C-alpha atoms as a PDB file:
ATOM      1  CA  MET A   1       0.000   0.000   0.000  1.00  0.00           C
ATOM      2  CA  SER A   2       1.116   3.527  -0.614  1.00  0.00           C
ATOM      3  CA  ASP A   3       1.706   5.692   2.437  1.00  0.00           C
ATOM      4  CA  SER A   4      -1.356   7.849   1.743  1.00  0.00           C
ATOM      5  CA  GLN A   5      -3.562   4.775   1.251  1.00  0.00           C
ATOM      6  CA  GLN A   6      -2.183   3.239   4.441  1.00  0.00           C
ATOM      7  CA  ASN A   7      -3.026   6.395   6.357  1.00  0.00           C
ATOM      8  CA  ILE A   8      -6.712   6.437   5.429  1.00  0.00           C
ATOM      9  CA  THR A   9      -7.251   2.719   6.022  1.00  0.00           C
ATOM     10  CA  ASP A  10      -5.448   2.946   9.374  1.00  0.00           C
ATOM     11  CA  LEU A  11      -7.997   5.519  10.502  1.00  0.00           C
ATOM     12  CA  LEU A  12     -11.010   3.348   9.616  1.00  0.00           C
ATOM     13  CA  LYS A  13     -12.420   0.241  11.275  1.00  0.00           C
ATOM     14  CA  LYS A  14     -11.234  -2.950   9.614  1.00  0.00           C
ATOM     15  CA  ASN A  15     -14.724  -4.527   9.873  1.00  0.00           C
ATOM     16  CA  TYR A  16     -15.918  -2.233   7.054  1.00  0.00           C
ATOM     17  CA  PHE A  17     -13.717  -4.288   4.749  1.00  0.00           C
ATOM     18  CA  TRP A  18     -14.825  -7.762   5.877  1.00  0.00           C
ATOM     19  CA  ASP A  19     -14.313  -9.218   2.408  1.00  0.00           C
ATOM     20  CA  VAL A  20     -10.858  -7.724   1.805  1.00  0.00           C
ATOM     21  CA  ASP A  21      -7.560  -8.899   3.285  1.00  0.00           C
ATOM     22  CA  VAL A  22      -6.385  -5.574   4.691  1.00  0.00           C
ATOM     23  CA  THR A  23      -3.136  -7.155   5.899  1.00  0.00           C
ATOM     24  CA  SER A  24      -2.080  -8.316   2.422  1.00  0.00           C
ATOM     25  CA  GLY A  25      -0.588  -4.966   1.461  1.00  0.00           C
ATOM     26  CA  LYS A  26      -2.872  -4.612  -1.562  1.00  0.00           C
ATOM     27  CA  LYS A  27      -4.489  -1.228  -2.105  1.00  0.00           C
ATOM     28  CA  ILE A  28      -8.166  -1.053  -1.268  1.00  0.00           C
ATOM     29  CA  SER A  29      -9.952   0.807  -4.054  1.00  0.00           C
ATOM     30  CA  ASP A  30     -11.030   4.378  -3.399  1.00  0.00           C
ATOM     31  CA  ARG A  31     -14.486   3.427  -4.627  1.00  0.00           C
ATOM     32  CA  LEU A  32     -14.823   0.628  -2.057  1.00  0.00           C
ATOM     33  CA  ILE A  33     -13.620   2.847   0.768  1.00  0.00           C
ATOM     34  CA  VAL A  34     -16.112   5.610  -0.077  1.00  0.00           C
ATOM     35  CA  GLU A  35     -18.973   3.130  -0.567  1.00  0.00           C
ATOM     36  CA  ARG A  36     -18.390   1.310   2.711  1.00  0.00           C
ATOM     37  CA  ILE A  37     -17.843   4.413   4.823  1.00  0.00           C
ATOM     38  CA  PHE A  38     -20.923   6.199   3.507  1.00  0.00           C
ATOM     39  CA  ASN A  39     -23.066   3.064   3.900  1.00  0.00           C
ATOM     40  CA  PHE A  40     -21.761   1.952   7.311  1.00  0.00           C
ATOM     41  CA  GLY A  41     -19.469   4.609   8.780  1.00  0.00           C
ATOM     42  CA  THR A  42     -19.926   7.356  11.325  1.00  0.00           C
ATOM     43  CA  LEU A  43     -20.115  11.072  10.582  1.00  0.00           C
ATOM     44  CA  ARG A  44     -16.538  11.411  11.845  1.00  0.00           C
ATOM     45  CA  GLU A  45     -15.354   8.754   9.393  1.00  0.00           C
ATOM     46  CA  ILE A  46     -17.320  10.369   6.562  1.00  0.00           C
ATOM     47  CA  GLY A  47     -15.534  13.621   7.375  1.00  0.00           C
ATOM     48  CA  LEU A  48     -12.157  11.839   7.287  1.00  0.00           C
ATOM     49  CA  VAL A  49     -12.921  10.391   3.850  1.00  0.00           C
ATOM     50  CA  ILE A  50     -14.029  13.765   2.490  1.00  0.00           C
ATOM     51  CA  ARG A  51     -10.883  15.463   3.816  1.00  0.00           C
ATOM     52  CA  PHE A  52      -8.670  12.690   2.440  1.00  0.00           C
ATOM     53  CA  TYR A  53     -10.131  12.430  -1.078  1.00  0.00           C
ATOM     54  CA  GLY A  54     -11.658  15.895  -1.431  1.00  0.00           C
ATOM     55  CA  ARG A  55     -15.325  16.794  -1.734  1.00  0.00           C
ATOM     56  CA  LYS A  56     -15.465  16.702  -5.555  1.00  0.00           C
ATOM     57  CA  GLU A  57     -13.826  13.267  -5.793  1.00  0.00           C
ATOM     58  CA  VAL A  58     -16.159  11.816  -3.153  1.00  0.00           C
ATOM     59  CA  GLU A  59     -19.164  13.268  -5.020  1.00  0.00           C
ATOM     60  CA  ARG A  60     -17.904  11.761  -8.285  1.00  0.00           C
ATOM     61  CA  ILE A  61     -17.485   8.339  -6.685  1.00  0.00           C
ATOM     62  CA  LEU A  62     -20.890   8.437  -4.959  1.00  0.00           C
ATOM     63  CA  LEU A  63     -22.648   9.463  -8.166  1.00  0.00           C
ATOM     64  CA  SER A  64     -21.116   6.478  -9.983  1.00  0.00           C
ATOM     65  CA  LEU A  65     -21.885   3.744  -7.416  1.00  0.00           C
ATOM     66  CA  ASN A  66     -24.213   0.937  -8.448  1.00  0.00           C
ATOM     67  CA  PHE A  67     -25.817   0.700  -5.013  1.00  0.00           C
ATOM     68  CA  LEU A  68     -26.534   2.913  -2.036  1.00  0.00           C
ATOM     69  CA  ASP A  69     -29.228   1.952   0.427  1.00  0.00           C
ATOM     70  CA  PRO A  70     -32.216   4.357   0.403  1.00  0.00           C
ATOM     71  CA  ARG A  71     -31.229   6.106   3.649  1.00  0.00           C
ATOM     72  CA  THR A  72     -27.673   6.655   2.481  1.00  0.00           C
ATOM     73  CA  LEU A  73     -28.861   7.926  -0.892  1.00  0.00           C
ATOM     74  CA  ASN A  74     -31.171  10.403   0.841  1.00  0.00           C
ATOM     75  CA  PHE A  75     -28.366  11.523   3.174  1.00  0.00           C
ATOM     76  CA  VAL A  76     -25.744  12.045   0.458  1.00  0.00           C
ATOM     77  CA  SER A  77     -28.176  13.800  -1.874  1.00  0.00           C
ATOM     78  CA  LYS A  78     -28.975  16.308   0.904  1.00  0.00           C
ATOM     79  CA  PHE A  79     -25.402  16.534   2.213  1.00  0.00           C
ATOM     80  CA  PHE A  80     -23.897  17.292  -1.207  1.00  0.00           C
ATOM     81  CA  ASN A  81     -26.996  19.166  -2.459  1.00  0.00           C
ATOM     82  CA  LEU A  82     -27.437  16.790  -5.412  1.00  0.00           C
ATOM     83  CA  GLN A  83     -30.578  15.436  -7.044  1.00  0.00           C
ATOM     84  CA  LYS A  84     -31.285  11.742  -6.447  1.00  0.00           C
ATOM     85  CA  ARG A  85     -31.904  11.291 -10.154  1.00  0.00           C
ATOM     86  CA  ASP A  86     -28.234  12.158 -10.791  1.00  0.00           C
ATOM     87  CA  PHE A  87     -27.040   9.039  -8.950  1.00  0.00           C
ATOM     88  CA  LYS A  88     -26.375   5.908 -10.989  1.00  0.00           C
ATOM     89  CA  CYS A  89     -27.874   3.729  -8.236  1.00  0.00           C
ATOM     90  CA  TYR A  90     -31.136   5.698  -8.380  1.00  0.00           C
ATOM     91  CA  LYS A  91     -31.375   5.348 -12.161  1.00  0.00           C
ATOM     92  CA  ARG A  92     -30.671   1.612 -11.938  1.00  0.00           C
ATOM     93  CA  LYS A  93     -33.377   1.163  -9.321  1.00  0.00           C
ATOM     94  CA  GLN A  94     -35.911   2.958 -11.522  1.00  0.00           C
ATOM     95  CA  LEU A  95     -35.072   0.625 -14.416  1.00  0.00           C
ATOM     96  CA  THR A  96     -35.437  -2.523 -12.312  1.00  0.00           C
ATOM     97  CA  VAL A  97     -38.858  -4.161 -12.443  1.00  0.00           C
ATOM     98  CA  GLN A  98     -40.320  -4.352  -8.944  1.00  0.00           C
ATOM     99  CA  HIS A  99     -42.295  -7.514  -8.205  1.00  0.00           C
ATOM    100  CA  TRP A 100     -45.283  -7.382  -5.944  1.00  0.00           C
ATOM    101  CA  ASP A 101     -45.309  -9.625  -2.898  1.00  0.00           C
ATOM    102  CA  TYR A 102     -48.647 -11.286  -2.345  1.00  0.00           C
END
């Protein structure tokens, strides 16, 4: 891992990356870090990620994610003052046929 990558992952809980071997020395993708922290992290950790990557880069990553849970999508759309319809995950959800449960 690069020094800068090591620094951000050292500041975050390892359980956010349950499916990644954080001890292997491989770089965890920026996209995965942003996705996991916004879906599961605290406001303090969200602030760390924004300071580390920069607001515009975090916005770009969030807009391109395939999935954000509805609460997270609502939070990030308000936090960054963005329209939900601008998020890839929102567009994908609208295109997915919803089946009725009887």
